[in-house]
C-alpha atoms as a PDB file:
ATOM      1  CA  MET A   1     114.525 161.829  65.664  1.00  0.00           C
ATOM      2  CA  PRO A   2     115.347 162.442  69.407  1.00  0.00           C
ATOM      3  CA  LEU A   3     117.081 159.926  71.859  1.00  0.00           C
ATOM      4  CA  TYR A   4     114.931 158.800  74.820  1.00  0.00           C
ATOM      5  CA  GLU A   5     116.260 156.974  77.682  1.00  0.00           C
ATOM      6  CA  TYR A   6     114.306 154.245  79.584  1.00  0.00           C
ATOM      7  CA  ARG A   7     114.958 152.873  83.106  1.00  0.00           C
ATOM      8  CA  CYS A   8     113.969 149.351  84.055  1.00  0.00           C
ATOM      9  CA  LYS A   9     111.900 149.207  87.129  1.00  0.00           C
ATOM     10  CA  GLN A  10     113.137 145.837  87.955  1.00  0.00           C
ATOM     11  CA  CYS A  11     116.944 145.990  87.585  1.00  0.00           C
ATOM     12  CA  GLY A  12     117.424 149.775  87.127  1.00  0.00           C
ATOM     13  CA  HIS A  13     119.423 149.356  83.700  1.00  0.00           C
ATOM     14  CA  VAL A  14     118.942 152.554  81.590  1.00  0.00           C
ATOM     15  CA  THR A  15     118.719 152.027  77.832  1.00  0.00           C
ATOM     16  CA  THR A  16     118.758 154.702  75.054  1.00  0.00           C
ATOM     17  CA  PHE A  17     116.338 154.538  71.935  1.00  0.00           C
ATOM     18  CA  LEU A  18     116.072 156.597  68.880  1.00  0.00           C
ATOM     19  CA  GLU A  19     112.566 157.054  68.312  1.00  0.00           C
ATOM     20  CA  LYS A  20     109.773 159.434  66.995  1.00  0.00           C
ATOM     21  CA  PRO A  21     108.678 162.059  69.691  1.00  0.00           C
ATOM     22  CA  ARG A  22     105.199 160.800  70.127  1.00  0.00           C
ATOM     23  CA  THR A  23     105.984 156.959  70.133  1.00  0.00           C
ATOM     24  CA  ARG A  24     104.833 155.115  73.189  1.00  0.00           C
ATOM     25  CA  LYS A  25     106.039 151.815  72.008  1.00  0.00           C
ATOM     26  CA  PRO A  26     106.988 149.477  74.993  1.00  0.00           C
ATOM     27  CA  HIS A  27     110.849 148.733  75.255  1.00  0.00           C
ATOM     28  CA  PRO A  28     111.794 145.601  77.168  1.00  0.00           C
ATOM     29  CA  CYS A  29     115.001 145.922  79.309  1.00  0.00           C
ATOM     30  CA  GLU A  30     118.065 144.761  77.316  1.00  0.00           C
ATOM     31  CA  LYS A  31     119.697 143.576  80.509  1.00  0.00           C
ATOM     32  CA  CYS A  32     117.012 141.501  82.311  1.00  0.00           C
ATOM     33  CA  GLY A  33     114.253 141.313  79.676  1.00  0.00           C
ATOM     34  CA  SER A  34     111.558 142.904  81.848  1.00  0.00           C
ATOM     35  CA  ALA A  35     108.680 144.784  80.277  1.00  0.00           C
ATOM     36  CA  LYS A  36     108.434 147.363  83.118  1.00  0.00           C
ATOM     37  CA  THR A  37     110.333 150.286  81.847  1.00  0.00           C
ATOM     38  CA  GLU A  38     109.777 154.031  82.296  1.00  0.00           C
ATOM     39  CA  ARG A  39     110.615 156.839  80.020  1.00  0.00           C
ATOM     40  CA  LEU A  40     113.155 159.210  81.788  1.00  0.00           C
ATOM     41  CA  LEU A  41     113.138 163.022  81.297  1.00  0.00           C
ATOM     42  CA  SER A  42     116.354 163.624  79.518  1.00  0.00           C
ATOM     43  CA  ALA A  43     118.306 166.970  79.039  1.00  0.00           C
ATOM     44  CA  PHE A  44     119.910 167.722  75.725  1.00  0.00           C
ATOM     45  CA  ALA A  45     122.987 169.514  74.429  1.00  0.00           C
ATOM     46  CA  ALA A  46     123.198 171.614  71.259  1.00  0.00           C
ATOM     47  CA  HIS A  47     126.428 172.526  69.795  1.00  0.00           C
ATOM     48  CA  GLY A  48     126.801 176.057  68.875  1.00  0.00           C
ATOM     49  CA  GLY A  49     127.869 177.312  65.621  1.00  0.00           C
ATOM     50  CA  GLU A  50     130.657 179.936  64.778  1.00  0.00           C
ATOM     51  CA  GLY A  51     128.655 182.676  66.404  1.00  0.00           C
ATOM     52  CA  SER A  52     128.183 180.917  69.870  1.00  0.00           C
ATOM     53  CA  SER A  53     129.242 182.508  73.071  1.00  0.00           C
ATOM     54  CA  SER A  54     131.584 179.703  73.828  1.00  0.00           C
ATOM     55  CA  GLY A  55     134.010 180.798  70.886  1.00  0.00           C
ATOM     56  CA  GLY A  56     133.433 178.184  68.324  1.00  0.00           C
ATOM     57  CA  ASP A  57     135.289 174.774  68.934  1.00  0.00           C
ATOM     58  CA  SER A  58     137.078 175.319  72.212  1.00  0.00           C
ATOM     59  CA  CYS A  59     136.003 174.487  75.634  1.00  0.00           C
ATOM     60  CA  PRO A  60     135.478 177.156  78.201  1.00  0.00           C
ATOM     61  CA  THR A  61     137.609 175.659  80.849  1.00  0.00           C
ATOM     62  CA  GLY A  62     140.635 175.039  78.455  1.00  0.00           C
ATOM     63  CA  THR A  63     140.759 171.363  79.390  1.00  0.00           C
ATOM     64  CA  CYS A  64     139.017 169.729  76.321  1.00  0.00           C
ATOM     65  CA  PRO A  65     141.117 168.262  73.428  1.00  0.00           C
ATOM     66  CA  LEU A  66     139.087 170.277  70.952  1.00  0.00           C
ATOM     67  CA  GLY A  67     141.261 173.356  70.878  1.00  0.00           C
END
């Protein structure tokens, strides 16, 4: 199941929920309790396998602790 982010229209707090793609279940704000939330457009990241162009488990900049 994908992760979706919701922003509270009242206080601006952003919360992430794990839910089915076509779910339109209302999510109250965890911070202020307001029912006025909106789903945000979110980017996603995919980790490449051994054949990825990034060279496997290393970071392109050489600054990540993965190498």
